[in-house]
Amino acid sequence: MEDTNPVGSGTDGVANESKSAQNPRTSSRRSNSRSRQAPKSGDAAVANTRRSQSRRRPAKPQAPVEMEVQGQVAESLDAGAKIKRRFAQRAPRERHGRPVGRYQMVVHVAGDVTQVAILEGRTLIQHFVSRASDSQSNISGNIYLGRVANVLPGMEAAFVDIGTNKNAVLYRGDVRYDREDLESFDRNVRIEQLLRPKQVVICQVVKNPIAQKGARLTQEVSLPGRFAVLLPGGGSFGISKRLPDDERRRLRRILDDVAPEGFGVILRTAAEGSTKEELKRDVDSLMESWKKIEEMAKSAHAPALLYREPPSAVRVIREEFNREFRSVTIDDMSLYQEIAGYVSAISPELADRVEYFDSAAEKLAIFDQFHVREQLQKVLEHKVWLPSGGSIVIDRTEALTVIDVNTSRNVGTVSLEETIHKNNLEAVEEIARQLRLRDIGGIIVIDVVDMIEAQNREDVMRAFRAALARDKTKTHVYEMSQLGLVQMTRHRIAEGLVEALSEICPSCGGSGYVIDPMITQ
């Protein structure tokens, strides 16, 4: 009320004066307070009145054009923030000026043998071996112009000559065809209706020759790049399931613009955070490669190699290398220069993480420097010890691989059930690592130590599936049987690491037994 009435006006002023007269001290305090709060002039009172009214006055509505401009500015700022977040996700992490990462890659070249080791901390989790002489055995991913040797209706397969020592096999489910090329279409069309002897086909190797079996082929050709996989002749699209949902939605919008007409495209996990320009550049490069393959197929005489996968080190870096790796260390100068140029082209933000290791200057072999050699020796061992004293025993046969879990030296402290439970949890973690490290594929049977409580069995199975989720190779695990057996399959592309690092014993022929000479006499 004081803001709207001048000082000393109205009945309130008279009442205050009478009360002040009765109590001088109170009067002085109130008068001082009133003198501080009241305006000094009539103009100031009017100004205060206008200010109080302006506080209650509703905001003036904005024009539609102004609101639209503000919305566009907000959207652009939001898009810019998202781009910054994506680049921040892709940017290499550093601490005290040094790269930070969970993994490390070590590449060792000796003669015609190249070995690539992947470490998690100091623990070896994957190892790849390739030789220059493996042109007949390490051919997965290569594309050939093959000639059908013969068709076997009883096996629903055809054997195709691709220029290797053994003919490769092409199954009915891997044959591409157009309905228009068939005289009468039937869902159960047979392979002899699709292929004939001496027919020339373009095919790709999906599985290396193993033992007495030839390579496995498919006509569903795919060309892998850094961020994308090109599917010639297919209109299917896909995005890696390992990516989060919001990133998948973003990439899906970009995929509609970069995918060439008449081709399918699959975006890999490495595409996370990539821009539209990067994806388009990768797809255009794959398209150029496919055009060269088609041109070669028109002029080549079957059997002929149309496309060869890059060397092992380049292939592993293409598949695995990302910001989670703190370094790639190579002890061969020529390979180092090749890898450094490749990484600079595909992921320039990671180029400084490719390093050269000079063994002569360090006076130590690269595998000794990073403790790889001692771990490789353990890969060839029959028994693997667990941290608590338990063990697992790995036996490989032609049909399947059997893994036995034992408590061994693990005696526990609480109860037998608790000891077995913890031992099995340790065992399944180590089994998942050994399957990945030794590259064991096919049918696998695991005999865990028997547990009484159903909850403990569920915990072990849950831990096993979580450990296998870190493996990029496709796996399928069945529930634990009543006998305590865990059955699973792991996709097998090539022979395992043990076969790559060893040779069959000339004395026992690989059986592990030497016959007593006294018996044969």
Protein backbone atom coordinates (compact mmCIF):
# COMPACT_ATOMS: atom_id res chain seq x y z
CA MET A 1 0.00 0.00 0.00
CA GLU A 2 2.91 2.33 0.63
CA ASP A 3 3.92 2.06 -3.03
CA THR A 4 0.56 3.42 -4.22
CA ASN A 5 0.02 6.21 -1.64
CA PRO A 6 2.17 9.32 -1.00
CA VAL A 7 3.72 9.74 2.44
CA GLY A 8 1.43 11.46 5.01
CA SER A 9 -1.77 11.12 2.95
CA GLY A 10 -4.94 9.33 4.02
CA THR A 11 -6.10 8.06 7.44
CA ASP A 12 -3.23 5.60 7.85
CA GLY A 13 -0.83 8.48 8.22
CA VAL A 14 -2.92 10.05 11.00
CA ALA A 15 -3.18 6.79 12.97
CA ASN A 16 0.54 6.24 12.79
CA GLU A 17 1.28 9.72 14.04
CA SER A 18 -0.97 9.26 17.11
CA LYS A 19 0.69 5.96 18.04
CA SER A 20 4.15 7.46 17.58
CA ALA A 21 3.32 10.23 19.95
CA GLN A 22 2.53 7.76 22.73
CA ASN A 23 5.87 5.84 22.34
CA PRO A 24 8.80 8.03 21.25
CA ARG A 25 11.30 5.14 20.84
CA THR A 26 8.93 3.13 18.71
CA SER A 27 8.07 6.21 16.76
CA SER A 28 11.67 6.92 15.88
CA ARG A 29 12.33 3.34 14.77
CA ARG A 30 9.18 3.21 12.64
CA SER A 31 9.84 6.58 11.11
CA ASN A 32 13.34 5.50 10.16
CA SER A 33 12.01 2.31 8.64
CA ARG A 34 9.36 4.24 6.76
CA SER A 35 11.90 6.70 5.47
CA ARG A 36 14.02 3.88 4.03
CA GLN A 37 11.13 2.08 2.32
CA ALA A 38 9.09 5.01 1.00
CA PRO A 39 9.86 6.69 -2.35
CA LYS A 40 11.49 10.07 -2.16
CA SER A 41 9.29 11.70 -4.77
CA GLY A 42 6.00 11.31 -6.55
CA ASP A 43 7.77 10.38 -9.82
CA ALA A 44 9.57 7.54 -8.06
CA ALA A 45 6.30 6.26 -6.68
CA VAL A 46 4.78 6.23 -10.14
CA ALA A 47 7.83 4.39 -11.48
CA ASN A 48 7.53 1.79 -8.73
CA THR A 49 3.87 1.37 -9.53
CA ARG A 50 4.66 0.77 -13.21
CA ARG A 51 7.34 -1.76 -12.27
CA SER A 52 4.95 -3.71 -10.04
CA GLN A 53 2.35 -3.71 -12.80
CA SER A 54 4.92 -4.87 -15.36
CA ARG A 55 5.71 -7.86 -13.15
CA ARG A 56 2.06 -8.94 -13.33
CA ARG A 57 1.63 -8.18 -17.02
CA PRO A 58 1.49 -11.33 -19.24
CA ALA A 59 4.32 -11.87 -21.74
CA LYS A 60 3.79 -10.64 -25.22
CA PRO A 61 3.16 -13.57 -27.59
CA GLN A 62 5.94 -14.15 -30.11
CA ALA A 63 5.33 -13.99 -33.82
CA PRO A 64 5.20 -17.37 -35.64
CA VAL A 65 8.26 -16.47 -37.74
CA GLU A 66 10.28 -15.62 -34.64
CA MET A 67 9.28 -18.88 -32.96
CA GLU A 68 10.27 -20.85 -36.08
CA VAL A 69 13.68 -19.17 -36.20
CA GLN A 70 14.27 -19.93 -32.52
CA GLY A 71 13.26 -23.57 -33.11
CA GLN A 72 15.71 -23.88 -36.00
CA VAL A 73 18.49 -22.39 -33.87
CA ALA A 74 17.69 -24.84 -31.06
CA GLU A 75 17.71 -27.76 -33.48
CA SER A 76 21.03 -26.70 -34.97
CA LEU A 77 22.55 -26.34 -31.50
CA ASP A 78 21.18 -29.76 -30.55
CA ALA A 79 22.59 -31.31 -33.74
CA GLY A 80 25.93 -29.65 -33.10
CA ALA A 81 25.96 -31.04 -29.56
CA LYS A 82 25.22 -34.52 -30.88
CA ILE A 83 28.06 -34.26 -33.41
CA LYS A 84 30.43 -33.15 -30.65
CA ARG A 85 29.33 -36.09 -28.51
CA ARG A 86 29.89 -38.54 -31.38
CA PHE A 87 33.37 -37.20 -32.05
CA ALA A 88 34.09 -37.27 -28.33
CA GLN A 89 33.08 -40.95 -28.28
CA ARG A 90 35.39 -41.70 -31.20
CA ALA A 91 38.28 -39.58 -29.99
CA PRO A 92 41.11 -41.61 -28.45
CA ARG A 93 41.25 -41.48 -24.69
CA GLU A 94 44.45 -40.25 -23.09
CA ARG A 95 45.85 -39.94 -19.60
CA HIS A 96 48.89 -37.79 -18.86
CA GLY A 97 49.51 -37.50 -22.59
CA ARG A 98 49.58 -41.27 -23.20
CA PRO A 99 46.88 -43.32 -24.95
CA VAL A 100 44.51 -45.27 -22.73
CA GLY A 101 42.81 -48.47 -23.81
CA ARG A 102 41.73 -51.84 -22.59
CA TYR A 103 43.48 -53.78 -25.34
CA GLN A 104 46.82 -53.88 -27.10
CA MET A 105 47.90 -55.48 -30.38
CA VAL A 106 51.39 -56.91 -30.93
CA VAL A 107 52.53 -57.97 -34.44
CA HIS A 108 55.61 -60.16 -34.93
CA VAL A 109 57.10 -60.99 -38.35
CA ALA A 110 59.68 -63.78 -38.76
CA GLY A 111 60.42 -64.91 -42.30
CA ASP A 112 57.14 -65.70 -44.06
CA VAL A 113 55.24 -66.10 -40.74
CA THR A 114 53.20 -63.22 -39.32
CA GLN A 115 51.72 -63.49 -35.84
CA VAL A 116 49.20 -61.07 -34.37
CA ALA A 117 48.55 -61.17 -30.61
CA ILE A 118 45.73 -59.28 -28.88
CA LEU A 119 46.22 -58.58 -25.18
CA GLU A 120 43.69 -57.48 -22.59
CA GLY A 121 45.94 -55.85 -20.04
CA ARG A 122 48.77 -58.38 -20.06
CA THR A 123 46.56 -61.39 -20.71
CA LEU A 124 46.61 -62.95 -24.17
CA ILE A 125 43.04 -63.34 -25.44
CA GLN A 126 43.48 -63.89 -29.20
CA HIS A 127 46.29 -64.99 -31.48
CA PHE A 128 46.44 -65.20 -35.27
CA VAL A 129 49.07 -66.96 -37.38
CA SER A 130 49.47 -66.64 -41.14
CA ARG A 131 52.12 -67.84 -43.57
CA ALA A 132 52.90 -66.75 -47.10
CA SER A 133 52.70 -70.42 -48.07
CA ASP A 134 49.08 -70.67 -46.84
CA SER A 135 47.66 -69.62 -50.22
CA GLN A 136 46.03 -73.04 -50.52
CA SER A 137 44.68 -73.30 -46.96
CA ASN A 138 44.09 -69.78 -45.62
CA ILE A 139 41.63 -68.58 -48.27
CA SER A 140 38.57 -67.53 -46.27
CA GLY A 141 37.02 -64.41 -47.80
CA ASN A 142 38.63 -64.84 -51.22
CA ILE A 143 36.39 -64.59 -54.29
CA TYR A 144 36.91 -67.02 -57.18
CA LEU A 145 35.64 -67.66 -60.64
CA GLY A 146 35.01 -71.38 -60.27
CA ARG A 147 33.96 -74.18 -62.58
CA VAL A 148 31.46 -76.80 -61.43
CA ALA A 149 33.17 -80.20 -61.42
CA ASN A 150 30.17 -82.36 -60.58
CA VAL A 151 26.74 -82.12 -58.98
CA LEU A 152 25.62 -84.61 -56.31
CA PRO A 153 21.81 -84.58 -55.89
CA GLY A 154 22.01 -87.05 -53.01
CA MET A 155 24.13 -84.60 -50.99
CA GLU A 156 22.35 -81.50 -52.33
CA ALA A 157 25.78 -80.07 -53.11
CA ALA A 158 28.16 -79.43 -55.97
CA PHE A 159 31.95 -79.63 -56.05
CA VAL A 160 33.57 -76.60 -57.64
CA ASP A 161 37.12 -76.30 -58.98
CA ILE A 162 38.58 -72.99 -57.73
CA GLY A 163 42.22 -73.77 -58.45
CA THR A 164 43.14 -75.21 -55.03
CA ASN A 165 44.42 -78.70 -54.25
CA LYS A 166 40.94 -79.90 -53.33
CA ASN A 167 37.65 -78.99 -54.93
CA ALA A 168 35.45 -76.78 -52.78
CA VAL A 169 31.86 -77.64 -51.90
CA LEU A 170 28.82 -75.48 -52.67
CA TYR A 171 25.62 -76.52 -50.89
CA ARG A 172 22.12 -75.99 -52.20
CA GLY A 173 21.29 -73.35 -49.59
CA ASP A 174 24.24 -71.20 -50.70
CA VAL A 175 23.29 -71.08 -54.41
CA ARG A 176 21.88 -67.84 -55.83
CA TYR A 177 19.37 -67.96 -58.67
CA ASP A 178 16.59 -65.98 -60.32
CA ARG A 179 13.12 -67.41 -60.65
CA GLU A 180 12.99 -66.16 -64.21
CA ASP A 181 15.85 -68.49 -65.14
CA LEU A 182 13.84 -71.56 -64.11
CA GLU A 183 11.33 -73.20 -66.42
CA SER A 184 8.98 -73.86 -63.50
CA PHE A 185 9.50 -72.40 -60.04
CA ASP A 186 9.13 -74.61 -57.02
CA ARG A 187 10.08 -73.90 -53.42
CA ASN A 188 11.80 -77.26 -53.28
CA VAL A 189 13.92 -76.58 -56.34
CA ARG A 190 16.79 -79.06 -56.48
CA ILE A 191 20.44 -78.30 -56.96
CA GLU A 192 20.62 -80.16 -60.30
CA GLN A 193 18.10 -77.62 -61.62
CA LEU A 194 20.40 -74.74 -60.61
CA LEU A 195 23.86 -76.02 -61.48
CA ARG A 196 25.34 -78.26 -64.14
CA PRO A 197 28.86 -79.63 -64.72
CA LYS A 198 31.36 -77.22 -66.35
CA GLN A 199 29.17 -74.23 -65.45
CA VAL A 200 31.16 -71.11 -64.45
CA VAL A 201 30.12 -69.41 -61.19
CA ILE A 202 31.35 -66.54 -59.03
CA CYS A 203 31.69 -67.73 -55.44
CA GLN A 204 33.32 -66.78 -52.17
CA VAL A 205 35.06 -68.96 -49.57
CA VAL A 206 33.34 -68.88 -46.17
CA LYS A 207 35.27 -71.71 -44.55
CA ASN A 208 38.88 -72.78 -45.04
CA PRO A 209 39.72 -76.37 -46.00
CA ILE A 210 40.15 -78.43 -42.83
CA ALA A 211 41.87 -81.82 -42.71
CA GLN A 212 40.40 -83.91 -45.52
CA LYS A 213 37.52 -81.52 -46.23
CA GLY A 214 37.65 -78.91 -48.96
CA ALA A 215 36.70 -75.27 -48.58
CA ARG A 216 33.07 -74.28 -48.29
CA LEU A 217 31.65 -71.78 -50.79
CA THR A 218 28.72 -69.43 -51.13
CA GLN A 219 27.35 -67.37 -53.99
CA GLU A 220 26.14 -64.73 -51.53
CA VAL A 221 29.24 -62.62 -52.07
CA SER A 222 30.10 -59.88 -49.56
CA LEU A 223 32.91 -57.30 -49.51
CA PRO A 224 33.90 -56.09 -46.02
CA GLY A 225 35.20 -52.58 -45.42
CA ARG A 226 36.10 -50.58 -42.33
CA PHE A 227 32.57 -49.41 -41.52
CA ALA A 228 30.32 -51.32 -43.94
CA VAL A 229 29.90 -54.62 -45.74
CA LEU A 230 28.72 -54.48 -49.35
CA LEU A 231 26.32 -57.18 -50.59
CA PRO A 232 26.33 -57.22 -54.42
CA GLY A 233 23.06 -58.31 -55.93
CA GLY A 234 21.15 -58.02 -52.66
CA GLY A 235 18.79 -55.35 -51.41
CA SER A 236 19.01 -56.20 -47.71
CA PHE A 237 20.20 -53.69 -45.11
CA GLY A 238 21.41 -54.24 -41.59
CA ILE A 239 23.11 -52.58 -38.64
CA SER A 240 25.22 -54.27 -35.98
CA LYS A 241 23.19 -55.34 -32.95
CA ARG A 242 26.11 -54.44 -30.70
CA LEU A 243 25.35 -50.73 -31.18
CA PRO A 244 22.95 -48.83 -28.86
CA ASP A 245 19.43 -48.13 -30.10
CA ASP A 246 19.85 -44.37 -30.57
CA GLU A 247 23.00 -44.93 -32.66
CA ARG A 248 21.23 -47.56 -34.73
CA ARG A 249 18.42 -45.11 -35.50
CA ARG A 250 20.91 -42.43 -36.54
CA LEU A 251 22.81 -44.82 -38.80
CA ARG A 252 19.57 -46.09 -40.29
CA ARG A 253 18.75 -42.59 -41.55
CA ILE A 254 22.21 -42.27 -43.07
CA LEU A 255 22.06 -45.76 -44.59
CA ASP A 256 19.13 -44.81 -46.81
CA ASP A 257 21.31 -42.13 -48.46
CA VAL A 258 24.63 -43.96 -48.86
CA ALA A 259 23.38 -47.40 -49.97
CA PRO A 260 23.77 -47.83 -53.77
CA GLU A 261 20.77 -48.97 -55.75
CA GLY A 262 20.59 -52.72 -56.26
CA PHE A 263 23.13 -53.47 -53.50
CA GLY A 264 22.74 -54.42 -49.88
CA VAL A 265 24.76 -52.80 -47.10
CA ILE A 266 25.45 -53.89 -43.54
CA LEU A 267 26.94 -51.37 -41.10
CA ARG A 268 29.47 -52.84 -38.70
CA THR A 269 30.13 -52.09 -35.05
CA ALA A 270 33.07 -49.89 -36.10
CA ALA A 271 30.55 -47.51 -37.73
CA GLU A 272 29.60 -46.11 -34.32
CA GLY A 273 30.01 -42.33 -34.41
CA SER A 274 30.97 -42.25 -38.09
CA THR A 275 29.72 -39.43 -40.27
CA LYS A 276 27.75 -39.66 -43.49
CA GLU A 277 30.84 -38.67 -45.51
CA GLU A 278 32.92 -41.44 -43.94
CA LEU A 279 30.29 -44.08 -44.63
CA LYS A 280 29.83 -42.91 -48.19
CA ARG A 281 33.59 -42.97 -48.79
CA ASP A 282 33.79 -46.53 -47.46
CA VAL A 283 30.84 -47.73 -49.57
CA ASP A 284 32.22 -46.03 -52.71
CA SER A 285 35.56 -47.78 -52.18
CA LEU A 286 33.80 -51.14 -51.93
CA MET A 287 31.83 -50.38 -55.08
CA GLU A 288 35.08 -49.71 -56.96
CA SER A 289 36.43 -53.06 -55.77
CA TRP A 290 33.30 -54.85 -56.96
CA LYS A 291 33.52 -53.23 -60.39
CA LYS A 292 37.09 -54.52 -60.76
CA ILE A 293 35.93 -58.00 -59.76
CA GLU A 294 33.18 -57.95 -62.39
CA GLU A 295 35.61 -56.79 -65.07
CA MET A 296 38.06 -59.56 -64.19
CA ALA A 297 35.28 -62.16 -64.22
CA LYS A 298 34.38 -61.22 -67.80
CA SER A 299 37.90 -61.77 -69.14
CA ALA A 300 39.30 -64.49 -66.84
CA HIS A 301 39.23 -68.22 -67.53
CA ALA A 302 37.93 -70.42 -64.74
CA PRO A 303 39.26 -71.36 -62.30
CA ALA A 304 40.70 -67.95 -61.36
CA LEU A 305 41.18 -65.80 -58.27
CA LEU A 306 39.21 -62.57 -58.53
CA TYR A 307 39.74 -61.05 -55.10
CA ARG A 308 42.16 -61.88 -52.29
CA GLU A 309 41.65 -60.83 -48.69
CA PRO A 310 44.41 -58.53 -47.36
CA PRO A 311 47.26 -59.92 -45.20
CA SER A 312 46.47 -61.21 -41.74
CA ALA A 313 47.68 -58.10 -39.90
CA VAL A 314 45.65 -55.73 -42.09
CA ARG A 315 42.59 -57.95 -41.83
CA VAL A 316 42.77 -58.13 -38.03
CA ILE A 317 43.20 -54.36 -37.75
CA ARG A 318 40.23 -53.83 -40.06
CA GLU A 319 38.10 -56.14 -37.92
CA GLU A 320 39.33 -55.33 -34.42
CA PHE A 321 41.22 -52.04 -34.13
CA ASN A 322 39.28 -49.21 -32.46
CA ARG A 323 39.62 -46.61 -29.72
CA GLU A 324 39.69 -49.35 -27.06
CA PHE A 325 43.21 -50.27 -28.22
CA ARG A 326 46.00 -48.25 -26.64
CA SER A 327 48.56 -49.26 -29.29
CA VAL A 328 49.50 -51.49 -32.23
CA THR A 329 53.18 -52.41 -31.97
CA ILE A 330 54.94 -53.93 -35.02
CA ASP A 331 58.53 -55.19 -35.29
CA ASP A 332 58.79 -55.14 -39.10
CA MET A 333 59.44 -51.79 -40.79
CA SER A 334 57.77 -52.53 -44.13
CA LEU A 335 54.65 -53.89 -42.45
CA TYR A 336 54.66 -50.97 -40.03
CA GLN A 337 54.63 -48.49 -42.91
CA GLU A 338 51.81 -50.39 -44.62
CA ILE A 339 49.70 -50.55 -41.44
CA ALA A 340 50.40 -46.91 -40.55
CA GLY A 341 49.24 -45.78 -44.00
CA TYR A 342 46.15 -47.97 -43.82
CA VAL A 343 45.12 -46.69 -40.37
CA SER A 344 45.78 -43.08 -41.40
CA ALA A 345 43.37 -43.56 -44.29
CA ILE A 346 40.55 -45.31 -42.41
CA SER A 347 40.89 -43.88 -38.86
CA PRO A 348 43.22 -40.87 -38.79
CA GLU A 349 42.38 -40.20 -35.13
CA LEU A 350 44.09 -43.52 -34.25
CA ALA A 351 47.15 -43.16 -36.52
CA ASP A 352 49.47 -42.12 -33.67
CA ARG A 353 48.77 -45.41 -31.87
CA VAL A 354 50.63 -47.45 -34.50
CA GLU A 355 54.18 -47.89 -33.23
CA TYR A 356 57.37 -49.48 -34.51
CA PHE A 357 59.34 -51.80 -32.22
CA ASP A 358 63.06 -52.03 -32.96
CA SER A 359 64.15 -55.39 -31.57
CA ALA A 360 67.85 -54.65 -32.19
CA ALA A 361 67.74 -51.41 -30.24
CA GLU A 362 65.63 -52.91 -27.46
CA LYS A 363 67.83 -56.06 -27.38
CA LEU A 364 64.69 -58.07 -26.75
CA ALA A 365 62.17 -59.84 -28.97
CA ILE A 366 58.77 -58.18 -29.16
CA PHE A 367 56.91 -61.26 -27.86
CA ASP A 368 59.26 -61.38 -24.87
CA GLN A 369 58.78 -57.69 -24.21
CA PHE A 370 55.00 -58.09 -23.97
CA HIS A 371 55.03 -61.55 -22.29
CA VAL A 372 53.33 -63.24 -25.24
CA ARG A 373 55.75 -66.13 -25.74
CA GLU A 374 55.27 -67.60 -22.29
CA GLN A 375 51.50 -67.48 -22.68
CA LEU A 376 51.67 -69.15 -26.09
CA GLN A 377 53.52 -72.08 -24.58
CA LYS A 378 50.65 -72.61 -22.14
CA VAL A 379 48.16 -72.71 -25.04
CA LEU A 380 49.64 -76.04 -26.12
CA GLU A 381 49.21 -77.56 -22.68
CA HIS A 382 46.55 -80.16 -21.97
CA LYS A 383 45.59 -78.74 -18.56
CA VAL A 384 44.83 -75.14 -17.59
CA TRP A 385 44.99 -74.11 -13.93
CA LEU A 386 42.43 -71.77 -12.35
CA PRO A 387 43.31 -69.01 -9.82
CA SER A 388 41.73 -70.81 -6.84
CA GLY A 389 43.49 -74.11 -7.55
CA GLY A 390 40.93 -75.81 -9.77
CA SER A 391 41.67 -76.88 -13.34
CA ILE A 392 40.15 -77.60 -16.72
CA VAL A 393 41.31 -80.34 -19.10
CA ILE A 394 40.79 -79.83 -22.85
CA ASP A 395 40.60 -82.89 -25.13
CA ARG A 396 40.07 -82.41 -28.86
CA THR A 397 38.73 -85.17 -31.09
CA GLU A 398 37.69 -85.26 -34.73
CA ALA A 399 33.98 -85.07 -33.87
CA LEU A 400 33.97 -82.63 -30.92
CA THR A 401 35.93 -81.03 -28.12
CA VAL A 402 35.47 -82.21 -24.52
CA ILE A 403 36.35 -79.98 -21.56
CA ASP A 404 36.44 -81.43 -18.04
CA VAL A 405 36.25 -79.19 -14.96
CA ASN A 406 38.00 -80.35 -11.76
CA THR A 407 38.35 -78.85 -8.29
CA SER A 408 41.92 -80.26 -8.03
CA ARG A 409 43.70 -78.18 -5.37
CA ASN A 410 40.68 -76.01 -4.58
CA VAL A 411 39.50 -77.17 -1.12
CA GLY A 412 37.38 -74.12 -0.23
CA THR A 413 36.56 -72.76 3.23
CA VAL A 414 32.76 -72.77 3.71
CA SER A 415 31.04 -75.83 2.30
CA LEU A 416 31.35 -78.31 -0.53
CA GLU A 417 28.50 -76.75 -2.52
CA GLU A 418 29.99 -73.26 -2.17
CA THR A 419 33.44 -74.53 -3.19
CA ILE A 420 32.05 -76.25 -6.29
CA HIS A 421 29.95 -73.19 -7.17
CA LYS A 422 32.92 -70.80 -7.08
CA ASN A 423 35.13 -73.30 -8.90
CA ASN A 424 32.61 -73.64 -11.74
CA LEU A 425 32.25 -69.85 -12.03
CA GLU A 426 36.01 -69.52 -12.45
CA ALA A 427 36.04 -72.43 -14.88
CA VAL A 428 33.42 -71.05 -17.29
CA GLU A 429 35.24 -67.68 -17.46
CA GLU A 430 38.48 -69.44 -18.35
CA ILE A 431 36.74 -71.80 -20.80
CA ALA A 432 35.29 -68.85 -22.72
CA ARG A 433 38.79 -67.31 -22.94
CA GLN A 434 40.40 -70.58 -24.03
CA LEU A 435 37.78 -71.16 -26.75
CA ARG A 436 38.50 -67.72 -28.16
CA LEU A 437 42.28 -67.97 -27.75
CA ARG A 438 42.64 -71.47 -29.19
CA ASP A 439 39.93 -70.78 -31.80
CA ILE A 440 38.12 -74.02 -30.98
CA GLY A 441 35.02 -74.57 -33.13
CA GLY A 442 32.40 -77.18 -33.81
CA ILE A 443 30.61 -79.15 -31.10
CA ILE A 444 31.86 -78.57 -27.55
CA VAL A 445 30.79 -80.52 -24.44
CA ILE A 446 31.71 -79.21 -20.98
CA ASP A 447 31.55 -81.42 -17.89
CA VAL A 448 31.26 -79.06 -14.93
CA VAL A 449 31.42 -80.28 -11.35
CA ASP A 450 27.96 -81.42 -10.18
CA MET A 451 25.95 -78.85 -8.20
CA ILE A 452 22.91 -79.64 -6.06
CA GLU A 453 21.20 -76.23 -5.88
CA ALA A 454 19.35 -75.10 -9.02
CA GLN A 455 20.24 -71.46 -8.31
CA ASN A 456 23.94 -72.26 -8.49
CA ARG A 457 23.49 -73.98 -11.85
CA GLU A 458 21.66 -70.93 -13.17
CA ASP A 459 24.44 -68.64 -11.93
CA VAL A 460 27.06 -70.69 -13.76
CA MET A 461 25.10 -70.68 -17.01
CA ARG A 462 24.49 -66.93 -16.75
CA ALA A 463 28.19 -66.26 -16.17
CA PHE A 464 29.14 -68.52 -19.09
CA ARG A 465 26.84 -66.74 -21.54
CA ALA A 466 28.09 -63.34 -20.36
CA ALA A 467 31.70 -64.44 -20.93
CA LEU A 468 30.87 -65.76 -24.42
CA ALA A 469 29.20 -62.45 -25.32
CA ARG A 470 32.67 -60.88 -25.64
CA ASP A 471 33.50 -63.36 -28.42
CA LYS A 472 32.63 -62.10 -31.91
CA THR A 473 32.48 -65.64 -33.28
CA LYS A 474 28.94 -66.97 -33.32
CA THR A 475 28.14 -69.37 -30.45
CA HIS A 476 25.05 -71.20 -29.26
CA VAL A 477 24.75 -72.65 -25.75
CA TYR A 478 22.14 -75.16 -24.60
CA GLU A 479 20.87 -75.56 -21.05
CA MET A 480 22.77 -77.74 -18.62
CA SER A 481 21.66 -81.36 -18.80
CA GLN A 482 20.71 -83.55 -15.83
CA LEU A 483 24.19 -85.07 -15.97
CA GLY A 484 25.78 -81.66 -15.49
CA LEU A 485 26.90 -81.39 -19.12
CA VAL A 486 26.86 -78.09 -21.03
CA GLN A 487 26.55 -78.53 -24.78
CA MET A 488 27.37 -75.72 -27.18
CA THR A 489 28.53 -74.96 -30.71
CA ARG A 490 31.02 -72.39 -31.93
CA HIS A 491 31.32 -71.39 -35.56
CA ARG A 492 34.39 -72.98 -37.10
CA ILE A 493 36.09 -71.13 -39.95
CA ALA A 494 39.60 -72.60 -39.89
CA GLU A 495 41.82 -74.93 -37.95
CA GLY A 496 42.56 -73.91 -34.40
CA LEU A 497 45.60 -72.20 -32.94
CA VAL A 498 47.11 -75.47 -31.71
CA GLU A 499 47.23 -76.82 -35.27
CA ALA A 500 48.70 -73.54 -36.52
CA LEU A 501 51.51 -73.63 -33.96
CA SER A 502 52.35 -77.32 -34.09
CA GLU A 503 52.87 -80.33 -36.36
CA ILE A 504 51.73 -83.91 -36.05
CA CYS A 505 54.19 -85.99 -34.08
CA PRO A 506 56.09 -88.31 -36.47
CA SER A 507 56.43 -90.96 -33.76
CA CYS A 508 52.81 -91.42 -32.68
CA GLY A 509 51.01 -89.89 -35.68
CA GLY A 510 49.05 -87.57 -33.45
CA SER A 511 47.53 -90.27 -31.26
CA GLY A 512 49.63 -89.45 -28.23
CA TYR A 513 50.80 -93.03 -27.78
CA VAL A 514 53.93 -94.86 -28.93
CA ILE A 515 53.50 -98.61 -29.30
CA ASP A 516 55.90 -100.72 -27.25
CA PRO A 517 58.38 -102.21 -29.75
CA MET A 518 58.38 -105.49 -27.79
CA ILE A 519 54.74 -106.07 -28.80
CA THR A 520 55.39 -105.72 -32.52
CA GLN A 521 58.29 -108.20 -32.49
